[in-house]
Amino acid sequence: MASVADSPEERQQGLSGTTMLPEDVVKLFVFDDNNRWSFWMKDMRYAIDMLWVNEGEEIVHIERAVAPETYPAQSFTPPVPARYVIETVAGFSEKQQLATGTKVVLPDGL
């Protein structure tokens, strides 16, 4: 199941302040255009995997097990533009053997 963040306010809030993310839920960030969207771990309480996905629904970059302690020193930016970002529980991308180039299925209507 995907929780979609498609407004500026929802994208800014993201998973900040939540206490956990169920293994069967992802946060899907939808942007109006392709860009090198940066993410940080402000107000996060647990580690997550971040996946940047292009318009062709292909993973273009992955950050695995990003810890809350990385904020404020680090933000995470893909090397190439992406249209979507998926945040999921830490370890999900490795468990599912996801890699750059893997195709994902996004919800209809995006």
N, C-alpha and C. Protein backbone atom coordinates (compact mmCIF):
# COMPACT_ATOMS: atom_id res chain seq x y z
N MET A 1 0.85 -1.17 0.00
CA MET A 1 0.00 0.00 0.00
C MET A 1 0.90 1.24 0.00
N ALA A 2 0.48 2.25 -0.73
CA ALA A 2 1.25 3.49 -0.80
C ALA A 2 0.45 4.65 -0.22
N SER A 3 1.11 5.40 0.64
CA SER A 3 0.59 6.67 1.12
C SER A 3 1.24 7.72 0.22
N VAL A 4 0.43 8.49 -0.49
CA VAL A 4 0.95 9.41 -1.50
C VAL A 4 1.08 10.83 -0.95
N ALA A 5 2.25 11.41 -1.21
CA ALA A 5 2.51 12.81 -0.87
C ALA A 5 2.69 13.55 -2.18
N ASP A 6 1.65 14.29 -2.60
CA ASP A 6 1.73 14.95 -3.91
C ASP A 6 1.52 16.46 -3.85
N SER A 7 1.42 17.00 -2.65
CA SER A 7 1.36 18.46 -2.51
C SER A 7 2.64 18.91 -1.83
N PRO A 8 3.01 20.19 -1.98
CA PRO A 8 4.23 20.67 -1.31
C PRO A 8 4.22 20.43 0.20
N GLU A 9 3.08 20.62 0.83
CA GLU A 9 2.99 20.43 2.28
C GLU A 9 3.18 18.96 2.66
N GLU A 10 2.54 18.07 1.92
CA GLU A 10 2.67 16.64 2.21
C GLU A 10 4.09 16.15 1.95
N ARG A 11 4.72 16.67 0.89
CA ARG A 11 6.10 16.28 0.60
C ARG A 11 7.05 16.77 1.68
N GLN A 12 6.82 17.98 2.19
CA GLN A 12 7.68 18.51 3.24
C GLN A 12 7.53 17.70 4.53
N GLN A 13 6.31 17.31 4.86
CA GLN A 13 6.05 16.54 6.07
C GLN A 13 6.59 15.12 5.96
N GLY A 14 6.32 14.46 4.85
CA GLY A 14 6.80 13.09 4.65
C GLY A 14 6.47 12.20 5.82
N LEU A 15 7.47 11.46 6.29
CA LEU A 15 7.30 10.56 7.43
C LEU A 15 7.75 11.20 8.74
N SER A 16 8.12 12.47 8.70
CA SER A 16 8.59 13.15 9.91
C SER A 16 7.57 13.04 11.03
N GLY A 17 8.05 12.73 12.22
CA GLY A 17 7.19 12.66 13.38
C GLY A 17 6.46 11.34 13.57
N THR A 18 6.52 10.44 12.59
CA THR A 18 5.87 9.14 12.76
C THR A 18 6.76 8.24 13.61
N THR A 19 6.16 7.27 14.28
CA THR A 19 6.92 6.39 15.16
C THR A 19 7.38 5.11 14.49
N MET A 20 6.73 4.74 13.39
CA MET A 20 7.12 3.54 12.66
C MET A 20 6.41 3.50 11.32
N LEU A 21 6.92 2.66 10.42
CA LEU A 21 6.31 2.46 9.12
C LEU A 21 6.06 0.97 8.97
N PRO A 22 4.81 0.54 8.79
CA PRO A 22 4.55 -0.88 8.61
C PRO A 22 5.28 -1.41 7.37
N GLU A 23 5.67 -2.67 7.40
CA GLU A 23 6.43 -3.26 6.30
C GLU A 23 5.65 -3.29 4.99
N ASP A 24 4.34 -3.26 5.06
CA ASP A 24 3.53 -3.34 3.84
C ASP A 24 3.07 -1.97 3.34
N VAL A 25 3.68 -0.89 3.88
CA VAL A 25 3.31 0.47 3.49
C VAL A 25 4.56 1.22 3.04
N VAL A 26 4.41 2.01 1.97
CA VAL A 26 5.48 2.90 1.53
C VAL A 26 4.92 4.31 1.44
N LYS A 27 5.82 5.28 1.52
CA LYS A 27 5.44 6.67 1.29
C LYS A 27 5.94 7.02 -0.10
N LEU A 28 5.04 7.42 -0.98
CA LEU A 28 5.37 7.76 -2.36
C LEU A 28 5.27 9.26 -2.54
N PHE A 29 6.39 9.87 -2.89
CA PHE A 29 6.45 11.31 -3.15
C PHE A 29 6.35 11.53 -4.65
N VAL A 30 5.37 12.32 -5.06
CA VAL A 30 5.12 12.58 -6.47
C VAL A 30 5.44 14.05 -6.75
N PHE A 31 6.33 14.28 -7.70
CA PHE A 31 6.72 15.64 -8.06
C PHE A 31 6.18 15.99 -9.44
N ASP A 32 6.06 17.28 -9.70
CA ASP A 32 5.51 17.76 -10.97
C ASP A 32 6.47 17.59 -12.14
N ASP A 33 7.76 17.46 -11.84
CA ASP A 33 8.74 17.33 -12.91
C ASP A 33 9.94 16.52 -12.43
N ASN A 34 10.81 16.19 -13.36
CA ASN A 34 12.05 15.48 -13.05
C ASN A 34 13.06 16.46 -12.49
N ASN A 35 13.73 16.05 -11.41
CA ASN A 35 14.76 16.88 -10.82
C ASN A 35 15.59 16.00 -9.90
N ARG A 36 16.65 16.55 -9.39
CA ARG A 36 17.48 15.83 -8.43
C ARG A 36 16.99 16.17 -7.02
N TRP A 37 15.82 15.64 -6.65
CA TRP A 37 15.16 15.96 -5.40
C TRP A 37 15.97 15.45 -4.21
N SER A 38 16.29 16.36 -3.27
CA SER A 38 17.04 16.02 -2.07
C SER A 38 16.10 15.71 -0.91
N PHE A 39 16.50 14.73 -0.10
CA PHE A 39 15.73 14.34 1.07
C PHE A 39 16.63 14.35 2.29
N TRP A 40 16.02 14.59 3.46
CA TRP A 40 16.75 14.59 4.72
C TRP A 40 15.93 13.82 5.74
N MET A 41 16.47 13.68 6.94
CA MET A 41 15.84 12.87 7.98
C MET A 41 15.34 13.72 9.15
N LYS A 42 14.91 14.94 8.87
CA LYS A 42 14.43 15.83 9.93
C LYS A 42 13.23 15.21 10.64
N ASP A 43 13.30 15.18 11.96
CA ASP A 43 12.23 14.67 12.83
C ASP A 43 11.88 13.20 12.58
N MET A 44 12.81 12.44 12.03
CA MET A 44 12.60 11.00 11.84
C MET A 44 13.04 10.25 13.10
N ARG A 45 12.40 9.11 13.33
CA ARG A 45 12.68 8.31 14.53
C ARG A 45 13.18 6.91 14.20
N TYR A 46 13.31 6.59 12.93
CA TYR A 46 13.73 5.25 12.52
C TYR A 46 14.39 5.33 11.15
N ALA A 47 15.19 4.34 10.84
CA ALA A 47 15.89 4.30 9.55
C ALA A 47 14.94 3.87 8.44
N ILE A 48 15.22 4.35 7.23
CA ILE A 48 14.40 4.01 6.06
C ILE A 48 15.30 3.79 4.84
N ASP A 49 14.74 3.14 3.84
CA ASP A 49 15.34 3.08 2.51
C ASP A 49 14.65 4.14 1.66
N MET A 50 15.42 4.81 0.80
CA MET A 50 14.88 5.80 -0.13
C MET A 50 15.21 5.36 -1.55
N LEU A 51 14.20 5.38 -2.41
CA LEU A 51 14.38 4.98 -3.81
C LEU A 51 13.89 6.09 -4.72
N TRP A 52 14.76 6.56 -5.60
CA TRP A 52 14.38 7.58 -6.58
C TRP A 52 14.01 6.85 -7.87
N VAL A 53 12.87 7.25 -8.46
CA VAL A 53 12.31 6.55 -9.61
C VAL A 53 12.03 7.55 -10.72
N ASN A 54 12.38 7.20 -11.96
CA ASN A 54 12.14 8.12 -13.08
C ASN A 54 10.74 7.93 -13.66
N GLU A 55 10.41 8.74 -14.68
CA GLU A 55 9.08 8.66 -15.30
C GLU A 55 8.81 7.31 -15.96
N GLY A 56 9.85 6.59 -16.30
CA GLY A 56 9.70 5.25 -16.87
C GLY A 56 9.52 4.18 -15.82
N GLU A 57 9.31 4.59 -14.55
CA GLU A 57 9.11 3.70 -13.41
C GLU A 57 10.31 2.79 -13.16
N GLU A 58 11.50 3.35 -13.37
CA GLU A 58 12.75 2.63 -13.17
C GLU A 58 13.53 3.29 -12.03
N ILE A 59 14.04 2.48 -11.11
CA ILE A 59 14.84 3.01 -10.01
C ILE A 59 16.14 3.57 -10.57
N VAL A 60 16.43 4.83 -10.21
CA VAL A 60 17.66 5.47 -10.69
C VAL A 60 18.68 5.68 -9.56
N HIS A 61 18.23 5.53 -8.31
CA HIS A 61 19.16 5.69 -7.18
C HIS A 61 18.51 5.10 -5.93
N ILE A 62 19.35 4.52 -5.06
CA ILE A 62 18.87 3.97 -3.78
C ILE A 62 19.81 4.41 -2.67
N GLU A 63 19.22 4.83 -1.55
CA GLU A 63 19.95 5.04 -0.30
C GLU A 63 19.35 4.05 0.68
N ARG A 64 20.20 3.17 1.23
CA ARG A 64 19.72 2.11 2.11
C ARG A 64 19.95 2.44 3.58
N ALA A 65 18.97 2.09 4.40
CA ALA A 65 19.06 2.20 5.87
C ALA A 65 19.59 3.56 6.32
N VAL A 66 18.96 4.61 5.82
CA VAL A 66 19.35 5.97 6.20
C VAL A 66 18.86 6.24 7.63
N ALA A 67 19.78 6.57 8.50
CA ALA A 67 19.48 6.73 9.93
C ALA A 67 19.06 8.16 10.26
N PRO A 68 18.19 8.32 11.27
CA PRO A 68 17.77 9.65 11.70
C PRO A 68 18.95 10.53 12.10
N GLU A 69 20.00 9.93 12.61
CA GLU A 69 21.16 10.67 13.08
C GLU A 69 21.91 11.39 11.96
N THR A 70 21.57 11.12 10.72
CA THR A 70 22.23 11.81 9.60
C THR A 70 21.80 13.27 9.51
N TYR A 71 20.66 13.62 10.11
CA TYR A 71 20.17 15.00 10.11
C TYR A 71 20.82 15.76 11.26
N PRO A 72 21.28 16.98 11.08
CA PRO A 72 21.17 17.85 9.91
C PRO A 72 22.40 17.82 9.00
N ALA A 73 23.37 17.01 9.30
CA ALA A 73 24.63 17.04 8.54
C ALA A 73 24.48 16.59 7.10
N GLN A 74 23.55 15.67 6.84
CA GLN A 74 23.45 15.12 5.49
C GLN A 74 22.06 15.27 4.89
N SER A 75 22.04 15.46 3.59
CA SER A 75 20.83 15.28 2.80
C SER A 75 21.22 14.30 1.69
N PHE A 76 20.24 13.70 1.07
CA PHE A 76 20.47 12.64 0.11
C PHE A 76 19.88 13.03 -1.23
N THR A 77 20.72 13.03 -2.26
CA THR A 77 20.35 13.51 -3.59
C THR A 77 20.79 12.50 -4.63
N PRO A 78 19.94 12.17 -5.58
CA PRO A 78 20.34 11.22 -6.61
C PRO A 78 21.30 11.86 -7.61
N PRO A 79 22.10 11.05 -8.30
CA PRO A 79 23.03 11.60 -9.29
C PRO A 79 22.34 12.02 -10.58
N VAL A 80 21.11 11.54 -10.79
CA VAL A 80 20.34 11.87 -11.99
C VAL A 80 18.93 12.29 -11.58
N PRO A 81 18.21 13.01 -12.45
CA PRO A 81 16.85 13.43 -12.11
C PRO A 81 15.89 12.25 -11.93
N ALA A 82 14.89 12.48 -11.09
CA ALA A 82 13.83 11.51 -10.84
C ALA A 82 12.51 12.26 -10.70
N ARG A 83 11.42 11.56 -10.89
CA ARG A 83 10.08 12.14 -10.78
C ARG A 83 9.40 11.73 -9.48
N TYR A 84 9.82 10.58 -8.94
CA TYR A 84 9.19 10.02 -7.74
C TYR A 84 10.27 9.61 -6.74
N VAL A 85 9.89 9.61 -5.46
CA VAL A 85 10.75 9.05 -4.43
C VAL A 85 9.87 8.14 -3.57
N ILE A 86 10.39 6.97 -3.27
CA ILE A 86 9.68 6.02 -2.41
C ILE A 86 10.48 5.87 -1.13
N GLU A 87 9.82 6.05 0.01
CA GLU A 87 10.43 5.77 1.30
C GLU A 87 9.78 4.52 1.86
N THR A 88 10.60 3.61 2.36
CA THR A 88 10.12 2.35 2.89
C THR A 88 10.98 1.93 4.07
N VAL A 89 10.59 0.87 4.75
CA VAL A 89 11.34 0.42 5.92
C VAL A 89 12.77 0.06 5.52
N ALA A 90 13.70 0.30 6.43
CA ALA A 90 15.10 -0.05 6.19
C ALA A 90 15.20 -1.56 5.94
N GLY A 91 15.96 -1.91 4.94
CA GLY A 91 16.15 -3.31 4.59
C GLY A 91 15.24 -3.81 3.49
N PHE A 92 14.18 -3.06 3.19
CA PHE A 92 13.22 -3.49 2.17
C PHE A 92 13.89 -3.66 0.80
N SER A 93 14.70 -2.68 0.40
CA SER A 93 15.29 -2.74 -0.94
C SER A 93 16.25 -3.91 -1.08
N GLU A 94 16.98 -4.22 -0.02
CA GLU A 94 17.88 -5.37 -0.06
C GLU A 94 17.10 -6.68 -0.06
N LYS A 95 16.10 -6.77 0.81
CA LYS A 95 15.26 -7.97 0.91
C LYS A 95 14.58 -8.28 -0.42
N GLN A 96 14.14 -7.24 -1.13
CA GLN A 96 13.46 -7.41 -2.41
C GLN A 96 14.44 -7.43 -3.59
N GLN A 97 15.73 -7.33 -3.30
CA GLN A 97 16.79 -7.34 -4.30
C GLN A 97 16.60 -6.23 -5.34
N LEU A 98 16.23 -5.04 -4.85
CA LEU A 98 16.04 -3.89 -5.73
C LEU A 98 17.40 -3.26 -6.02
N ALA A 99 17.56 -2.79 -7.24
CA ALA A 99 18.81 -2.15 -7.65
C ALA A 99 18.50 -1.09 -8.68
N THR A 100 19.50 -0.25 -8.96
CA THR A 100 19.34 0.72 -10.04
C THR A 100 18.98 -0.03 -11.31
N GLY A 101 17.95 0.45 -11.99
CA GLY A 101 17.47 -0.20 -13.21
C GLY A 101 16.26 -1.08 -13.01
N THR A 102 15.96 -1.45 -11.75
CA THR A 102 14.77 -2.26 -11.46
C THR A 102 13.52 -1.45 -11.78
N LYS A 103 12.57 -2.08 -12.45
CA LYS A 103 11.28 -1.45 -12.73
C LYS A 103 10.37 -1.64 -11.53
N VAL A 104 9.61 -0.60 -11.21
CA VAL A 104 8.61 -0.68 -10.14
C VAL A 104 7.24 -0.39 -10.74
N VAL A 105 6.21 -0.76 -10.05
CA VAL A 105 4.85 -0.48 -10.50
C VAL A 105 4.27 0.59 -9.58
N LEU A 106 3.97 1.73 -10.15
CA LEU A 106 3.39 2.84 -9.39
C LEU A 106 1.88 2.82 -9.53
N PRO A 107 1.16 3.42 -8.58
CA PRO A 107 -0.29 3.47 -8.68
C PRO A 107 -0.76 4.14 -9.98
N ASP A 108 -1.86 3.68 -10.51
CA ASP A 108 -2.44 4.29 -11.71
C ASP A 108 -2.82 5.74 -11.43
N GLY A 109 -2.78 6.54 -12.45
CA GLY A 109 -3.23 7.93 -12.36
C GLY A 109 -2.19 8.94 -11.94
N LEU A 110 -0.93 8.53 -11.88
CA LEU A 110 0.12 9.50 -11.48
C LEU A 110 0.60 10.29 -12.64
